[in-house]
Each structure stands twice: as structure tokens, then as C-alpha cells.
Amino acid sequence: MSGLELLIVLAAWGIGAGSPGPATLTIAGTAMDRGRRDGMLTGLGVLAGSSFWGLAAMFGMSALMLSNGWIVEVLRYLGAGYLLYLALKSLRSAITAAPLIATGGRTGLPPFLKGLFVHLTNPKPIFGWGAVFAVLVPPGSDFTALITIYLSLVSVSGVIFVGYGALFAAGGVMRVYQRMKRGFELVFAALFGAAALKILTTRLT
């Protein structure tokens, strides 16, 4: 694979990583509500989850999961359940119009574990990783080529996920969120709920 082809793949991967979804929504919501540190920690948690799925795909776990559909089903229901919990939590926050909690009074999972759990309970990424490896790594390639692609994709994901944690914690963004918290939380509730429904209704095996 040429350098240009790798750059094209990395750009496409970055667009996919940065597109709206449960992980990016969780990072953005945490960053706006709790500040840069927690937002970036959530991003690191998502990155850790993505890195795990990448390693799993690299060592053939995607094929194992496809042949043992119950594993995917368990992860699917866990992920949908957690997203529904986040949707209800956002809805409750919108109804009560709780003040911004940039410091203290935090509930739920620590930010890193929150990001990690959101990503690990969504089995779709492992199949995305598997597809990339299938396309980019020809049969007979050595381990160096495989690990180079893996580290390149992880690096792009890290820039996106941690960058979102910093971006959405910017002062202007947080001020807008603080003024329009009820509206934001209603949107988050709807999007988390829609993501949970999508996971429940999408067949992966």
C-alpha cells in the first residue's frame, strides 16, 4: 500500500470516528457538562475501547464472535441498556434543569470508564476494524504491516476523541450549553434513545 493510499484510508477513518454516534455524543456531553479534563478522560476511555476492538480484530476475534452469535447479542443488549440509562439520565436532567456541574456532585461512572463502557458494549467497531484489515492487509503480509496500520488508525482516533473532549469544553461552548442546558439535554436524551433503538434493531450476525 502506498503512502497516498494510507493517507486516504486514515482520512476516511477520521471522518468515521468523528461522525455522530454514541461515543462522540458521550464525549461531547461530558465535556460540556463537566469540563475539559473529564471530556478528555472520556475521550481516552473511548480510545481505549476502540484500541481493544482493533486488537481483537487483528487477532481474529471478529470471526469468533460471528461464529458465536450469543457474544454479540450479550454486548448488544448491554450497550442498548446503558444507552437507555444515559437517555433517561439526560431526560431527568432536562426536566429538573439541574445546574452545570463542572466541579463536585458527580454521579455515575468515572469519565474514563464511562467512555470505555460505551465503546466496549457496542460490538459494531470490531467489524469495522476487521473490514479495514481485510482491505488493507493482503494475505501473507508480515506483522509489521499489520501493527503499522493499527497504530496509525489508533493515532487518528486519539486525535478525534481526545480533541472532541477539549473542543466541546471550550469556554464559548460551555457558556452556550449552560444557557440552553434543558434543550441540550433533551436532544441528548433523544439521540441516546435513538442509538439504543438502533443497536437493538440492527442484526450484526
Protein backbone atom coordinates (compact mmCIF):
# COMPACT_ATOMS: atom_id res chain seq x y z
CA MET A 1 0.00 0.00 0.00
CA SER A 2 1.38 3.40 -1.00
CA GLY A 3 1.66 6.38 1.31
CA LEU A 4 -1.13 8.17 -0.57
CA GLU A 5 -3.47 5.21 -0.18
CA LEU A 6 -2.75 5.09 3.55
CA LEU A 7 -3.48 8.82 3.88
CA ILE A 8 -6.81 8.36 2.10
CA VAL A 9 -7.72 5.49 4.43
CA LEU A 10 -6.69 7.49 7.51
CA ALA A 11 -8.80 10.45 6.35
CA ALA A 12 -11.82 8.19 5.83
CA TRP A 13 -11.22 6.57 9.22
CA GLY A 14 -11.06 10.00 10.88
CA ILE A 15 -14.35 11.04 9.29
CA GLY A 16 -15.95 7.85 10.54
CA ALA A 17 -14.53 8.24 14.05
CA GLY A 18 -15.70 11.84 14.26
CA SER A 19 -19.20 11.25 12.91
CA PRO A 20 -22.12 11.44 15.36
CA GLY A 21 -22.66 8.29 17.40
CA PRO A 22 -22.89 7.04 20.99
CA ALA A 23 -19.16 7.54 21.65
CA THR A 24 -18.82 11.07 20.26
CA LEU A 25 -22.12 12.08 21.85
CA THR A 26 -20.89 10.85 25.23
CA ILE A 27 -17.62 12.75 24.88
CA ALA A 28 -19.34 15.97 23.83
CA GLY A 29 -21.96 15.80 26.57
CA THR A 30 -19.41 15.09 29.29
CA ALA A 31 -17.08 17.85 28.09
CA MET A 32 -19.82 20.48 28.02
CA ASP A 33 -21.23 19.44 31.38
CA ARG A 34 -18.07 18.66 33.35
CA GLY A 35 -15.25 20.48 31.62
CA ARG A 36 -12.11 19.76 29.62
CA ARG A 37 -10.47 17.26 31.97
CA ASP A 38 -13.47 14.95 32.19
CA GLY A 39 -14.22 15.37 28.50
CA MET A 40 -10.70 14.34 27.53
CA LEU A 41 -10.74 11.45 30.01
CA THR A 42 -13.97 10.24 28.42
CA GLY A 43 -12.27 10.52 25.04
CA LEU A 44 -9.37 8.43 26.33
CA GLY A 45 -11.83 5.83 27.57
CA VAL A 46 -13.45 5.64 24.14
CA LEU A 47 -9.97 5.38 22.60
CA ALA A 48 -9.10 2.51 24.93
CA GLY A 49 -12.27 0.71 23.88
CA SER A 50 -11.54 1.30 20.20
CA SER A 51 -7.95 0.09 20.66
CA PHE A 52 -9.22 -3.09 22.31
CA TRP A 53 -11.60 -3.82 19.43
CA GLY A 54 -8.75 -3.18 16.99
CA LEU A 55 -6.52 -5.70 18.74
CA ALA A 56 -9.40 -8.16 18.91
CA ALA A 57 -9.99 -7.83 15.17
CA MET A 58 -6.27 -8.11 14.47
CA PHE A 59 -6.13 -11.45 16.26
CA GLY A 60 -9.28 -12.83 14.67
CA MET A 61 -11.85 -12.29 17.41
CA SER A 62 -14.37 -10.88 14.91
CA ALA A 63 -14.60 -14.30 13.25
CA LEU A 64 -15.04 -15.92 16.67
CA MET A 65 -17.86 -13.52 17.52
CA LEU A 66 -19.58 -14.17 14.20
CA SER A 67 -19.47 -17.91 14.85
CA ASN A 68 -20.75 -17.43 18.42
CA GLY A 69 -23.60 -15.01 17.96
CA TRP A 70 -24.56 -15.02 21.64
CA ILE A 71 -21.45 -12.96 22.43
CA VAL A 72 -22.61 -10.21 20.09
CA GLU A 73 -26.14 -10.42 21.48
CA VAL A 74 -24.96 -10.02 25.08
CA LEU A 75 -22.86 -6.99 24.14
CA ARG A 76 -25.73 -5.58 22.10
CA TYR A 77 -28.19 -5.71 24.98
CA LEU A 78 -25.65 -4.36 27.46
CA GLY A 79 -24.86 -1.47 25.16
CA ALA A 80 -28.51 -0.67 24.47
CA GLY A 81 -29.29 -0.84 28.18
CA TYR A 82 -26.51 1.58 29.06
CA LEU A 83 -27.52 4.00 26.30
CA LEU A 84 -31.11 3.92 27.57
CA TYR A 85 -29.77 4.69 31.04
CA LEU A 86 -27.90 7.70 29.62
CA ALA A 87 -31.05 8.78 27.77
CA LEU A 88 -33.12 8.67 30.96
CA LYS A 89 -30.39 10.47 32.86
CA SER A 90 -30.34 13.27 30.25
CA LEU A 91 -34.14 13.45 30.29
CA ARG A 92 -34.16 13.74 34.06
CA SER A 93 -31.53 16.48 33.88
CA ALA A 94 -33.66 18.37 31.34
CA ILE A 95 -36.80 18.07 33.47
CA THR A 96 -35.12 19.17 36.69
CA ALA A 97 -32.96 21.78 34.90
CA ALA A 98 -30.08 20.94 37.24
CA PRO A 99 -27.25 23.49 37.26
CA LEU A 100 -23.97 22.87 35.44
CA ILE A 101 -21.77 20.54 37.47
CA ALA A 102 -18.27 21.39 36.36
CA THR A 103 -16.99 20.52 39.82
CA GLY A 104 -18.27 18.22 42.55
CA GLY A 105 -21.53 16.41 42.87
CA ARG A 106 -20.76 13.94 40.10
CA THR A 107 -22.66 10.70 39.78
CA GLY A 108 -22.34 7.61 37.64
CA LEU A 109 -19.19 6.07 36.23
CA PRO A 110 -15.89 7.99 36.27
CA PRO A 111 -15.37 9.69 32.88
CA PHE A 112 -12.70 7.27 31.59
CA LEU A 113 -14.80 4.22 32.48
CA LYS A 114 -17.89 5.88 31.02
CA GLY A 115 -16.18 6.27 27.63
CA LEU A 116 -14.69 2.79 27.83
CA PHE A 117 -18.02 1.15 28.69
CA VAL A 118 -19.90 2.95 25.92
CA HIS A 119 -17.43 1.66 23.33
CA LEU A 120 -16.89 -1.85 24.68
CA THR A 121 -20.62 -2.56 24.80
CA ASN A 122 -21.02 -1.63 21.14
CA PRO A 123 -19.85 -4.64 19.09
CA LYS A 124 -20.01 -2.86 15.73
CA PRO A 125 -16.47 -1.36 15.88
CA ILE A 126 -14.78 -4.77 15.80
CA PHE A 127 -16.38 -5.48 12.44
CA GLY A 128 -15.26 -2.06 11.18
CA TRP A 129 -11.71 -2.85 12.23
CA GLY A 130 -11.97 -6.28 10.64
CA ALA A 131 -13.13 -4.78 7.35
CA VAL A 132 -10.21 -2.33 7.31
CA PHE A 133 -7.69 -5.07 7.97
CA ALA A 134 -9.26 -7.26 5.28
CA VAL A 135 -8.95 -4.46 2.72
CA LEU A 136 -5.55 -3.05 3.68
CA VAL A 137 -3.60 -6.13 4.72
CA PRO A 138 -3.10 -8.62 1.86
CA PRO A 139 -2.73 -12.30 2.74
CA GLY A 140 0.83 -13.12 3.67
CA SER A 141 1.65 -9.64 4.98
CA ASP A 142 4.07 -9.56 7.87
CA PHE A 143 3.15 -8.43 11.38
CA THR A 144 4.96 -5.11 10.88
CA ALA A 145 2.47 -4.02 8.22
CA LEU A 146 -0.44 -5.03 10.44
CA ILE A 147 0.81 -3.17 13.51
CA THR A 148 1.69 -0.08 11.43
CA ILE A 149 -1.87 0.20 10.17
CA TYR A 150 -3.25 -0.49 13.64
CA LEU A 151 -1.14 2.22 15.31
CA SER A 152 -1.93 4.70 12.53
CA LEU A 153 -5.67 4.20 12.97
CA VAL A 154 -5.42 4.39 16.77
CA SER A 155 -3.50 7.66 16.46
CA VAL A 156 -6.18 9.20 14.25
CA SER A 157 -8.89 8.02 16.64
CA GLY A 158 -6.99 9.50 19.58
CA VAL A 159 -6.78 12.91 17.93
CA ILE A 160 -10.52 12.82 17.22
CA PHE A 161 -11.77 11.51 20.57
CA VAL A 162 -9.48 13.47 22.88
CA GLY A 163 -9.78 16.52 20.63
CA TYR A 164 -13.56 16.42 20.97
CA GLY A 165 -13.13 16.38 24.74
CA ALA A 166 -11.12 19.60 24.54
CA LEU A 167 -13.23 21.23 21.81
CA PHE A 168 -16.61 20.84 23.48
CA ALA A 169 -15.20 22.08 26.79
CA ALA A 170 -14.16 25.41 25.27
CA GLY A 171 -15.47 28.39 27.20
CA GLY A 172 -17.85 29.57 24.50
CA VAL A 173 -19.36 26.13 24.00
CA MET A 174 -19.83 25.60 27.74
CA ARG A 175 -21.49 29.01 28.12
CA VAL A 176 -23.96 28.19 25.36
CA TYR A 177 -24.62 24.82 26.99
CA GLN A 178 -25.14 26.46 30.37
CA ARG A 179 -27.72 28.86 28.92
CA MET A 180 -29.51 26.15 26.93
CA LYS A 181 -28.95 23.15 29.18
CA ARG A 182 -32.56 21.95 29.08
CA GLY A 183 -32.62 21.92 25.28
CA PHE A 184 -29.25 20.20 25.01
CA GLU A 185 -30.25 17.50 27.48
CA LEU A 186 -33.50 16.84 25.62
CA VAL A 187 -31.50 16.42 22.41
CA PHE A 188 -29.02 14.12 24.18
CA ALA A 189 -31.91 12.07 25.59
CA ALA A 190 -33.43 11.68 22.12
CA LEU A 191 -30.11 10.78 20.49
CA PHE A 192 -29.08 8.29 23.17
CA GLY A 193 -32.53 6.71 22.95
CA ALA A 194 -32.31 6.53 19.15
CA ALA A 195 -28.83 4.97 19.38
CA ALA A 196 -30.14 2.34 21.82
CA LEU A 197 -33.04 1.55 19.49
CA LYS A 198 -30.70 1.26 16.52
CA ILE A 199 -28.46 -1.20 18.39
CA LEU A 200 -31.49 -3.27 19.40
CA THR A 201 -32.90 -3.41 15.88
CA THR A 202 -29.66 -3.95 13.94
CA ARG A 203 -28.66 -7.54 13.35
CA LEU A 204 -24.89 -8.00 13.39
CA THR A 205 -24.74 -11.77 13.00
